[in-house]
Amino acid sequence: MNRFAPFIALTLLVTAGAVAGQQPDPEAPTLLVYSSIERLYVGQVTPTMPLADAEAAIDAYPPEWAVVGVATTNMPLRNGEVMIDGTVADTRYWWADPDSANHATLFELNTTDTAGDAEATPAVLDDPEHEFPFLALSVADAETAITLEGDDIPDLHAWLIEQLEAEGIALAGIQVTGDFSAVHTSISHDLPTTGFVIVDGRVSEDIFHYVDYEEPGAWVIDGVYAAEEDAQLIVSVAGRPLHLHGYQTDGSVGGHIQSAVATHVTATIYPLKVLVQTLDEAS
């Protein structure tokens, strides 16, 4: 296991677009966030960040650094869930389409046409001009990552939180790969400008679809972790430090991970030093 010095202090830089004068540090492992989950839940689904701008935001970092994150799109009645992974030089945006027959069919979003890429299992969406009302992605040197193995895990979220707390990590990007016996997901499809509330861990099915996978399968799960309450309100909700999205490794389906039961996983943890939140100055 690669042991990385835990980050006790969390630096929070809040910017207002490109005019605030504070810029991300391209030498520091960073969580870049556009808007916040708190704002999304109260109905602030505009303004949005174009996918091309999200890619431009990470261009200042070394091309070999790892990227993992989560997002949703602004497509009307078709918001969906986005899983982000890869490297700065080759970042993939996997989108679970709530308008598909199973509410979860996976597509790849990109600013360039990768339809001829044999490694891209899902279809590439014809229209890449997606914008994000919420996006959170971590950028970090893979050499600093902590790798954890786990077997027979009844609650993936609880297991990850326990590991992160034991490491003394306050902020992190996370990727989990492995075999699962059950995965329960949700997929947003109609995010209202009037806002919405969570009741017993669920939102109205007029806003979210819920899809359960009770057959064994292999998944890739991307996400972000924030231990501090102020940061939780940016990337998740109070009391829930983890925000996880995932997709099956055959490239067929994906969504927001409500809960997951694992038979064996490998978790790659990227400790982060800085959280940079960007808010559009018009919002």
C-alpha atoms as a PDB file:
ATOM      1  CA  MET A   1       0.000   0.000   0.000  1.00  0.00           C
ATOM      2  CA  ASN A   2       1.274   3.425  -0.943  1.00  0.00           C
ATOM      3  CA  ARG A   3       0.972   5.558   2.199  1.00  0.00           C
ATOM      4  CA  PHE A   4       0.485   9.261   1.493  1.00  0.00           C
ATOM      5  CA  ALA A   5       0.736  11.877   4.218  1.00  0.00           C
ATOM      6  CA  PRO A   6      -2.821  12.641   5.399  1.00  0.00           C
ATOM      7  CA  PHE A   7      -4.242  16.096   4.791  1.00  0.00           C
ATOM      8  CA  ILE A   8      -5.560  17.532   8.040  1.00  0.00           C
ATOM      9  CA  ALA A   9      -6.169  21.081   6.798  1.00  0.00           C
ATOM     10  CA  LEU A  10      -8.613  21.787   3.964  1.00  0.00           C
ATOM     11  CA  THR A  11      -8.126  24.877   1.816  1.00  0.00           C
ATOM     12  CA  LEU A  12     -11.345  26.210   0.278  1.00  0.00           C
ATOM     13  CA  LEU A  13     -11.069  28.710  -2.559  1.00  0.00           C
ATOM     14  CA  VAL A  14     -14.382  30.103  -3.763  1.00  0.00           C
ATOM     15  CA  THR A  15     -14.143  31.903  -7.087  1.00  0.00           C
ATOM     16  CA  ALA A  16     -16.629  33.792  -9.243  1.00  0.00           C
ATOM     17  CA  GLY A  17     -15.871  32.657 -12.746  1.00  0.00           C
ATOM     18  CA  ALA A  18     -12.605  33.821 -14.228  1.00  0.00           C
ATOM     19  CA  VAL A  19     -12.701  37.275 -12.671  1.00  0.00           C
ATOM     20  CA  ALA A  20     -12.036  36.506  -9.014  1.00  0.00           C
ATOM     21  CA  GLY A  21      -8.253  36.548  -9.266  1.00  0.00           C
ATOM     22  CA  GLN A  22      -7.851  33.226  -7.447  1.00  0.00           C
ATOM     23  CA  GLN A  23      -6.731  30.377  -9.646  1.00  0.00           C
ATOM     24  CA  PRO A  24      -6.242  26.650  -9.005  1.00  0.00           C
ATOM     25  CA  ASP A  25      -2.697  25.594  -8.183  1.00  0.00           C
ATOM     26  CA  PRO A  26      -1.572  23.274 -11.014  1.00  0.00           C
ATOM     27  CA  GLU A  27       0.966  21.692  -8.672  1.00  0.00           C
ATOM     28  CA  ALA A  28      -1.555  20.760  -5.967  1.00  0.00           C
ATOM     29  CA  PRO A  29      -3.967  17.808  -6.062  1.00  0.00           C
ATOM     30  CA  THR A  30      -7.300  19.574  -6.357  1.00  0.00           C
ATOM     31  CA  LEU A  31     -11.055  19.073  -6.315  1.00  0.00           C
ATOM     32  CA  LEU A  32     -12.608  21.344  -8.931  1.00  0.00           C
ATOM     33  CA  VAL A  33     -16.334  21.987  -8.421  1.00  0.00           C
ATOM     34  CA  TYR A  34     -18.807  23.922 -10.515  1.00  0.00           C
ATOM     35  CA  SER A  35     -21.801  25.158  -8.465  1.00  0.00           C
ATOM     36  CA  SER A  36     -22.816  22.785  -5.624  1.00  0.00           C
ATOM     37  CA  ILE A  37     -25.268  20.051  -4.703  1.00  0.00           C
ATOM     38  CA  GLU A  38     -26.834  22.460  -2.178  1.00  0.00           C
ATOM     39  CA  ARG A  39     -27.609  24.920  -4.991  1.00  0.00           C
ATOM     40  CA  LEU A  40     -28.869  22.143  -7.264  1.00  0.00           C
ATOM     41  CA  TYR A  41     -31.288  20.913  -4.603  1.00  0.00           C
ATOM     42  CA  VAL A  42     -32.839  24.367  -4.161  1.00  0.00           C
ATOM     43  CA  GLY A  43     -33.471  24.639  -7.899  1.00  0.00           C
ATOM     44  CA  GLN A  44     -30.427  26.532  -9.165  1.00  0.00           C
ATOM     45  CA  VAL A  45     -29.980  24.411 -12.280  1.00  0.00           C
ATOM     46  CA  THR A  46     -28.652  27.351 -14.281  1.00  0.00           C
ATOM     47  CA  PRO A  47     -26.130  28.738 -15.195  1.00  0.00           C
ATOM     48  CA  THR A  48     -24.120  25.742 -16.362  1.00  0.00           C
ATOM     49  CA  MET A  49     -20.571  24.781 -17.296  1.00  0.00           C
ATOM     50  CA  PRO A  50     -20.037  23.534 -20.877  1.00  0.00           C
ATOM     51  CA  LEU A  51     -18.177  20.242 -21.202  1.00  0.00           C
ATOM     52  CA  ALA A  52     -15.440  22.010 -23.165  1.00  0.00           C
ATOM     53  CA  ASP A  53     -14.933  24.425 -20.251  1.00  0.00           C
ATOM     54  CA  ALA A  54     -14.651  21.491 -17.847  1.00  0.00           C
ATOM     55  CA  GLU A  55     -11.883  20.053 -19.997  1.00  0.00           C
ATOM     56  CA  ALA A  56     -10.170  23.442 -20.237  1.00  0.00           C
ATOM     57  CA  ALA A  57     -10.236  23.739 -16.424  1.00  0.00           C
ATOM     58  CA  ILE A  58      -7.970  20.719 -16.001  1.00  0.00           C
ATOM     59  CA  ASP A  59      -5.596  21.522 -18.863  1.00  0.00           C
ATOM     60  CA  ALA A  60      -3.228  23.380 -16.502  1.00  0.00           C
ATOM     61  CA  TYR A  61      -2.455  20.146 -14.646  1.00  0.00           C
ATOM     62  CA  PRO A  62       0.158  17.579 -15.742  1.00  0.00           C
ATOM     63  CA  PRO A  63      -1.255  15.438 -18.569  1.00  0.00           C
ATOM     64  CA  GLU A  64      -0.516  12.153 -16.764  1.00  0.00           C
ATOM     65  CA  TRP A  65      -2.419  13.112 -13.582  1.00  0.00           C
ATOM     66  CA  ALA A  66      -5.509  11.041 -12.772  1.00  0.00           C
ATOM     67  CA  VAL A  67      -9.018  12.499 -13.059  1.00  0.00           C
ATOM     68  CA  VAL A  68     -12.134  11.119 -11.322  1.00  0.00           C
ATOM     69  CA  GLY A  69     -15.438  12.807 -10.667  1.00  0.00           C
ATOM     70  CA  VAL A  70     -19.207  13.111 -10.961  1.00  0.00           C
ATOM     71  CA  ALA A  71     -21.659  15.440 -12.698  1.00  0.00           C
ATOM     72  CA  THR A  72     -25.136  15.814 -14.136  1.00  0.00           C
ATOM     73  CA  THR A  73     -26.253  17.487 -17.369  1.00  0.00           C
ATOM     74  CA  ASN A  74     -28.740  20.226 -18.245  1.00  0.00           C
ATOM     75  CA  MET A  75     -30.671  18.238 -20.861  1.00  0.00           C
ATOM     76  CA  PRO A  76     -34.403  18.937 -20.290  1.00  0.00           C
ATOM     77  CA  LEU A  77     -36.250  15.849 -18.977  1.00  0.00           C
ATOM     78  CA  ARG A  78     -32.990  13.947 -19.550  1.00  0.00           C
ATOM     79  CA  ASN A  79     -30.450  15.173 -16.976  1.00  0.00           C
ATOM     80  CA  GLY A  80     -28.818  11.813 -16.273  1.00  0.00           C
ATOM     81  CA  GLU A  81     -25.721  11.003 -14.245  1.00  0.00           C
ATOM     82  CA  VAL A  82     -22.128  11.462 -15.401  1.00  0.00           C
ATOM     83  CA  MET A  83     -19.075   9.434 -14.369  1.00  0.00           C
ATOM     84  CA  ILE A  84     -15.707  11.068 -15.083  1.00  0.00           C
ATOM     85  CA  ASP A  85     -12.400   9.201 -15.166  1.00  0.00           C
ATOM     86  CA  GLY A  86      -9.112   8.819 -16.999  1.00  0.00           C
ATOM     87  CA  THR A  87      -6.231  11.273 -17.086  1.00  0.00           C
ATOM     88  CA  VAL A  88      -5.858  14.971 -17.833  1.00  0.00           C
ATOM     89  CA  ALA A  89      -4.701  14.047 -21.336  1.00  0.00           C
ATOM     90  CA  ASP A  90      -7.511  11.517 -21.874  1.00  0.00           C
ATOM     91  CA  THR A  91     -10.581  12.233 -19.740  1.00  0.00           C
ATOM     92  CA  ARG A  92     -13.756  10.227 -20.349  1.00  0.00           C
ATOM     93  CA  TYR A  93     -17.249  11.444 -19.555  1.00  0.00           C
ATOM     94  CA  TRP A  94     -19.674   8.511 -19.256  1.00  0.00           C
ATOM     95  CA  TRP A  95     -23.355   9.530 -19.244  1.00  0.00           C
ATOM     96  CA  ALA A  96     -26.256   7.369 -18.023  1.00  0.00           C
ATOM     97  CA  ASP A  97     -29.273   8.349 -20.130  1.00  0.00           C
ATOM     98  CA  PRO A  98     -32.545   8.446 -18.129  1.00  0.00           C
ATOM     99  CA  ASP A  99     -34.570   8.648 -21.341  1.00  0.00           C
ATOM    100  CA  SER A 100     -33.421   5.206 -22.489  1.00  0.00           C
ATOM    101  CA  ALA A 101     -35.696   2.170 -22.114  1.00  0.00           C
ATOM    102  CA  ASN A 102     -33.851   0.997 -18.981  1.00  0.00           C
ATOM    103  CA  HIS A 103     -33.288   4.597 -17.735  1.00  0.00           C
ATOM    104  CA  ALA A 104     -29.541   3.923 -17.523  1.00  0.00           C
ATOM    105  CA  THR A 105     -27.996   3.232 -20.955  1.00  0.00           C
ATOM    106  CA  LEU A 106     -24.397   4.460 -21.081  1.00  0.00           C
ATOM    107  CA  PHE A 107     -23.014   6.881 -23.645  1.00  0.00           C
ATOM    108  CA  GLU A 108     -19.664   8.624 -23.877  1.00  0.00           C
ATOM    109  CA  LEU A 109     -19.673  12.410 -24.018  1.00  0.00           C
ATOM    110  CA  ASN A 110     -16.711  14.148 -25.555  1.00  0.00           C
ATOM    111  CA  THR A 111     -15.794  17.413 -27.212  1.00  0.00           C
ATOM    112  CA  THR A 112     -14.213  15.425 -30.047  1.00  0.00           C
ATOM    113  CA  ASP A 113     -15.629  12.551 -32.079  1.00  0.00           C
ATOM    114  CA  THR A 114     -14.268   9.270 -30.717  1.00  0.00           C
ATOM    115  CA  ALA A 115     -16.721   7.040 -32.571  1.00  0.00           C
ATOM    116  CA  GLY A 116     -13.794   5.302 -34.258  1.00  0.00           C
ATOM    117  CA  ASP A 117     -12.075   4.512 -30.956  1.00  0.00           C
ATOM    118  CA  ALA A 118     -12.134   0.730 -30.515  1.00  0.00           C
ATOM    119  CA  GLU A 119     -11.617   1.126 -26.754  1.00  0.00           C
ATOM    120  CA  ALA A 120     -14.793   3.180 -26.331  1.00  0.00           C
ATOM    121  CA  THR A 121     -17.403   0.483 -25.628  1.00  0.00           C
ATOM    122  CA  PRO A 122     -20.486   2.724 -25.253  1.00  0.00           C
ATOM    123  CA  ALA A 123     -21.789   4.666 -28.224  1.00  0.00           C
ATOM    124  CA  VAL A 124     -20.550   8.229 -28.502  1.00  0.00           C
ATOM    125  CA  LEU A 125     -23.462  10.626 -28.286  1.00  0.00           C
ATOM    126  CA  ASP A 126     -23.978  12.467 -31.576  1.00  0.00           C
ATOM    127  CA  ASP A 127     -24.394  15.829 -29.846  1.00  0.00           C
ATOM    128  CA  PRO A 128     -21.458  16.485 -27.500  1.00  0.00           C
ATOM    129  CA  GLU A 129     -22.626  19.960 -26.466  1.00  0.00           C
ATOM    130  CA  HIS A 130     -23.578  19.014 -22.942  1.00  0.00           C
ATOM    131  CA  GLU A 131     -23.439  21.480 -20.081  1.00  0.00           C
ATOM    132  CA  PHE A 132     -23.246  20.743 -16.370  1.00  0.00           C
ATOM    133  CA  PRO A 133     -25.354  22.462 -13.684  1.00  0.00           C
ATOM    134  CA  PHE A 134     -23.147  20.554 -11.229  1.00  0.00           C
ATOM    135  CA  LEU A 135     -19.704  19.025 -11.691  1.00  0.00           C
ATOM    136  CA  ALA A 136     -17.053  17.830  -9.235  1.00  0.00           C
ATOM    137  CA  LEU A 137     -13.806  16.308 -10.413  1.00  0.00           C
ATOM    138  CA  SER A 138     -10.516  15.601  -8.725  1.00  0.00           C
ATOM    139  CA  VAL A 139      -7.136  16.004 -10.373  1.00  0.00           C
ATOM    140  CA  ALA A 140      -4.183  14.310  -8.689  1.00  0.00           C
ATOM    141  CA  ASP A 141      -0.826  12.651  -9.252  1.00  0.00           C
ATOM    142  CA  ALA A 142      -1.460   8.908  -9.462  1.00  0.00           C
ATOM    143  CA  GLU A 143       1.881   8.338  -7.728  1.00  0.00           C
ATOM    144  CA  THR A 144       0.359   9.696  -4.496  1.00  0.00           C
ATOM    145  CA  ALA A 145      -2.653   7.380  -4.509  1.00  0.00           C
ATOM    146  CA  ILE A 146      -3.510   4.950  -1.719  1.00  0.00           C
ATOM    147  CA  THR A 147      -4.704   1.523  -2.879  1.00  0.00           C
ATOM    148  CA  LEU A 148      -7.054  -0.529  -0.695  1.00  0.00           C
ATOM    149  CA  GLU A 149      -8.495  -4.024  -1.153  1.00  0.00           C
ATOM    150  CA  GLY A 150     -11.727  -5.275   0.371  1.00  0.00           C
ATOM    151  CA  ASP A 151     -13.802  -8.476   0.404  1.00  0.00           C
ATOM    152  CA  ASP A 152     -17.406  -9.227   1.345  1.00  0.00           C
ATOM    153  CA  ILE A 153     -18.422  -5.602   1.903  1.00  0.00           C
ATOM    154  CA  PRO A 154     -22.124  -5.199   2.806  1.00  0.00           C
ATOM    155  CA  ASP A 155     -22.094  -1.387   2.521  1.00  0.00           C
ATOM    156  CA  LEU A 156     -19.584   0.207   0.141  1.00  0.00           C
ATOM    157  CA  HIS A 157     -20.183   3.752   1.411  1.00  0.00           C
ATOM    158  CA  ALA A 158     -19.634   2.791   5.061  1.00  0.00           C
ATOM    159  CA  TRP A 159     -16.517   0.790   4.214  1.00  0.00           C
ATOM    160  CA  LEU A 160     -14.979   3.643   2.223  1.00  0.00           C
ATOM    161  CA  ILE A 161     -15.728   6.199   4.933  1.00  0.00           C
ATOM    162  CA  GLU A 162     -14.129   3.933   7.545  1.00  0.00           C
ATOM    163  CA  GLN A 163     -10.971   3.587   5.425  1.00  0.00           C
ATOM    164  CA  LEU A 164     -10.747   7.321   4.719  1.00  0.00           C
ATOM    165  CA  GLU A 165     -11.228   8.241   8.358  1.00  0.00           C
ATOM    166  CA  ALA A 166      -8.543   5.739   9.368  1.00  0.00           C
ATOM    167  CA  GLU A 167      -6.160   7.408   6.908  1.00  0.00           C
ATOM    168  CA  GLY A 168      -6.999  10.885   8.266  1.00  0.00           C
ATOM    169  CA  ILE A 169      -8.054  12.125   4.828  1.00  0.00           C
ATOM    170  CA  ALA A 170     -10.361  15.164   4.673  1.00  0.00           C
ATOM    171  CA  LEU A 171     -10.807  15.451   0.901  1.00  0.00           C
ATOM    172  CA  ALA A 172     -10.317  12.882  -1.860  1.00  0.00           C
ATOM    173  CA  GLY A 173     -11.131  11.640  -5.302  1.00  0.00           C
ATOM    174  CA  ILE A 174     -12.040   7.954  -5.403  1.00  0.00           C
ATOM    175  CA  GLN A 175     -12.270   5.172  -7.944  1.00  0.00           C
ATOM    176  CA  VAL A 176     -13.497   1.713  -6.972  1.00  0.00           C
ATOM    177  CA  THR A 177     -13.354  -1.264  -9.310  1.00  0.00           C
ATOM    178  CA  GLY A 178     -14.518  -4.792  -8.608  1.00  0.00           C
ATOM    179  CA  ASP A 179     -17.301  -7.331  -8.343  1.00  0.00           C
ATOM    180  CA  PHE A 180     -20.658  -6.535  -6.777  1.00  0.00           C
ATOM    181  CA  SER A 181     -23.602  -8.732  -5.819  1.00  0.00           C
ATOM    182  CA  ALA A 182     -26.085  -5.834  -5.654  1.00  0.00           C
ATOM    183  CA  VAL A 183     -26.001  -2.192  -6.739  1.00  0.00           C
ATOM    184  CA  HIS A 184     -28.868   0.259  -6.215  1.00  0.00           C
ATOM    185  CA  THR A 185     -28.831   3.398  -8.353  1.00  0.00           C
ATOM    186  CA  SER A 186     -30.774   6.570  -9.070  1.00  0.00           C
ATOM    187  CA  ILE A 187     -30.788   8.638 -12.259  1.00  0.00           C
ATOM    188  CA  SER A 188     -32.011  12.233 -12.309  1.00  0.00           C
ATOM    189  CA  HIS A 189     -34.289  13.019 -15.238  1.00  0.00           C
ATOM    190  CA  ASP A 190     -36.227  16.194 -14.401  1.00  0.00           C
ATOM    191  CA  LEU A 191     -34.342  18.507 -12.055  1.00  0.00           C
ATOM    192  CA  PRO A 192     -36.842  21.276 -11.220  1.00  0.00           C
ATOM    193  CA  THR A 193     -36.112  24.967 -10.818  1.00  0.00           C
ATOM    194  CA  THR A 194     -38.371  24.859  -7.742  1.00  0.00           C
ATOM    195  CA  GLY A 195     -35.941  22.560  -5.923  1.00  0.00           C
ATOM    196  CA  PHE A 196     -36.586  19.227  -4.218  1.00  0.00           C
ATOM    197  CA  VAL A 197     -36.084  17.410  -0.927  1.00  0.00           C
ATOM    198  CA  ILE A 198     -34.756  14.020   0.150  1.00  0.00           C
ATOM    199  CA  VAL A 199     -37.086  11.886   2.265  1.00  0.00           C
ATOM    200  CA  ASP A 200     -35.665   8.646   3.717  1.00  0.00           C
ATOM    201  CA  GLY A 201     -32.823   8.804   1.224  1.00  0.00           C
ATOM    202  CA  ARG A 202     -35.111   9.168  -1.795  1.00  0.00           C
ATOM    203  CA  VAL A 203     -36.440  11.897  -4.055  1.00  0.00           C
ATOM    204  CA  SER A 204     -39.765  11.841  -5.903  1.00  0.00           C
ATOM    205  CA  GLU A 205     -39.790   9.475  -8.885  1.00  0.00           C
ATOM    206  CA  ASP A 206     -41.060  12.420 -10.924  1.00  0.00           C
ATOM    207  CA  ILE A 207     -37.490  13.728 -10.558  1.00  0.00           C
ATOM    208  CA  PHE A 208     -35.332  10.582 -10.194  1.00  0.00           C
ATOM    209  CA  HIS A 209     -35.587   7.077 -11.627  1.00  0.00           C
ATOM    210  CA  TYR A 210     -34.487   4.245  -9.314  1.00  0.00           C
ATOM    211  CA  VAL A 211     -32.844   1.183 -10.863  1.00  0.00           C
ATOM    212  CA  ASP A 212     -31.693  -1.830  -8.840  1.00  0.00           C
ATOM    213  CA  TYR A 213     -29.190  -4.449 -10.015  1.00  0.00           C
ATOM    214  CA  GLU A 214     -29.510  -7.649  -7.996  1.00  0.00           C
ATOM    215  CA  GLU A 215     -27.387  -9.857 -10.265  1.00  0.00           C
ATOM    216  CA  PRO A 216     -23.600 -10.130  -9.807  1.00  0.00           C
ATOM    217  CA  GLY A 217     -21.653  -7.726 -11.977  1.00  0.00           C
ATOM    218  CA  ALA A 218     -18.384  -5.844 -12.391  1.00  0.00           C
ATOM    219  CA  TRP A 219     -18.517  -2.082 -11.871  1.00  0.00           C
ATOM    220  CA  VAL A 220     -16.318   1.014 -12.000  1.00  0.00           C
ATOM    221  CA  ILE A 221     -17.376   3.571  -9.382  1.00  0.00           C
ATOM    222  CA  ASP A 222     -16.050   7.135  -9.465  1.00  0.00           C
ATOM    223  CA  GLY A 223     -16.579   9.702  -6.757  1.00  0.00           C
ATOM    224  CA  VAL A 224     -15.501  12.409  -4.372  1.00  0.00           C
ATOM    225  CA  TYR A 225     -15.215  12.530  -0.576  1.00  0.00           C
ATOM    226  CA  ALA A 226     -15.413  15.518   1.778  1.00  0.00           C
ATOM    227  CA  ALA A 227     -15.162  15.055   5.536  1.00  0.00           C
ATOM    228  CA  GLU A 228     -15.808  18.687   6.513  1.00  0.00           C
ATOM    229  CA  GLU A 229     -19.466  19.751   6.713  1.00  0.00           C
ATOM    230  CA  ASP A 230     -19.000  22.935   4.658  1.00  0.00           C
ATOM    231  CA  ALA A 231     -17.401  20.922   1.884  1.00  0.00           C
ATOM    232  CA  GLN A 232     -20.125  18.264   2.102  1.00  0.00           C
ATOM    233  CA  LEU A 233     -22.731  20.882   1.190  1.00  0.00           C
ATOM    234  CA  ILE A 234     -20.746  21.569  -1.973  1.00  0.00           C
ATOM    235  CA  VAL A 235     -20.181  18.007  -3.214  1.00  0.00           C
ATOM    236  CA  SER A 236     -22.948  16.065  -1.460  1.00  0.00           C
ATOM    237  CA  VAL A 237     -25.409  16.733   1.389  1.00  0.00           C
ATOM    238  CA  ALA A 238     -24.809  17.275   5.077  1.00  0.00           C
ATOM    239  CA  GLY A 239     -23.903  14.069   6.857  1.00  0.00           C
ATOM    240  CA  ARG A 240     -23.109  12.240   3.604  1.00  0.00           C
ATOM    241  CA  PRO A 241     -19.442  12.779   2.792  1.00  0.00           C
ATOM    242  CA  LEU A 242     -19.385  10.492  -0.259  1.00  0.00           C
ATOM    243  CA  HIS A 243     -20.831  11.183  -3.695  1.00  0.00           C
ATOM    244  CA  LEU A 244     -20.482   8.148  -5.957  1.00  0.00           C
ATOM    245  CA  HIS A 245     -21.516   7.436  -9.550  1.00  0.00           C
ATOM    246  CA  GLY A 246     -20.749   4.169 -11.333  1.00  0.00           C
ATOM    247  CA  TYR A 247     -21.097   2.072 -14.472  1.00  0.00           C
ATOM    248  CA  GLN A 248     -20.855  -1.584 -15.358  1.00  0.00           C
ATOM    249  CA  THR A 249     -17.525  -2.485 -16.947  1.00  0.00           C
ATOM    250  CA  ASP A 250     -19.224  -3.825 -20.057  1.00  0.00           C
ATOM    251  CA  GLY A 251     -20.251  -0.231 -20.753  1.00  0.00           C
ATOM    252  CA  SER A 252     -23.971  -0.915 -20.731  1.00  0.00           C
ATOM    253  CA  VAL A 253     -25.498   0.984 -17.785  1.00  0.00           C
ATOM    254  CA  GLY A 254     -24.675   3.446 -15.023  1.00  0.00           C
ATOM    255  CA  GLY A 255     -26.032   5.887 -12.459  1.00  0.00           C
ATOM    256  CA  HIS A 256     -25.710   7.532  -9.058  1.00  0.00           C
ATOM    257  CA  ILE A 257     -24.802   4.879  -6.478  1.00  0.00           C
ATOM    258  CA  GLN A 258     -27.393   4.781  -3.696  1.00  0.00           C
ATOM    259  CA  SER A 259     -25.885   1.665  -2.125  1.00  0.00           C
ATOM    260  CA  ALA A 260     -23.722  -1.276  -3.154  1.00  0.00           C
ATOM    261  CA  VAL A 261     -22.777  -4.702  -1.824  1.00  0.00           C
ATOM    262  CA  ALA A 262     -19.343  -5.906  -2.958  1.00  0.00           C
ATOM    263  CA  THR A 263     -17.715  -9.307  -3.084  1.00  0.00           C
ATOM    264  CA  HIS A 264     -14.246  -7.912  -3.901  1.00  0.00           C
ATOM    265  CA  VAL A 265     -13.064  -4.389  -4.695  1.00  0.00           C
ATOM    266  CA  THR A 266      -9.938  -2.355  -5.256  1.00  0.00           C
ATOM    267  CA  ALA A 267     -10.285   1.266  -4.136  1.00  0.00           C
ATOM    268  CA  THR A 268      -7.865   3.901  -5.383  1.00  0.00           C
ATOM    269  CA  ILE A 269      -7.872   6.976  -3.144  1.00  0.00           C
ATOM    270  CA  TYR A 270      -6.420  10.294  -4.313  1.00  0.00           C
ATOM    271  CA  PRO A 271      -5.882  12.614  -1.288  1.00  0.00           C
ATOM    272  CA  LEU A 272      -6.499  16.248  -2.252  1.00  0.00           C
ATOM    273  CA  LYS A 273      -5.162  19.501  -0.827  1.00  0.00           C
ATOM    274  CA  VAL A 274      -7.456  22.135  -2.319  1.00  0.00           C
ATOM    275  CA  LEU A 275     -11.139  22.511  -3.151  1.00  0.00           C
ATOM    276  CA  VAL A 276     -11.849  25.170  -5.778  1.00  0.00           C
ATOM    277  CA  GLN A 277     -15.526  26.035  -6.187  1.00  0.00           C
ATOM    278  CA  THR A 278     -16.537  28.078  -9.203  1.00  0.00           C
ATOM    279  CA  LEU A 279     -19.808  29.988  -9.143  1.00  0.00           C
ATOM    280  CA  ASP A 280     -20.967  31.854 -12.218  1.00  0.00           C
ATOM    281  CA  GLU A 281     -20.993  35.547 -11.355  1.00  0.00           C
ATOM    282  CA  ALA A 282     -24.507  35.873 -12.772  1.00  0.00           C
ATOM    283  CA  SER A 283     -25.893  33.222 -10.415  1.00  0.00           C
END
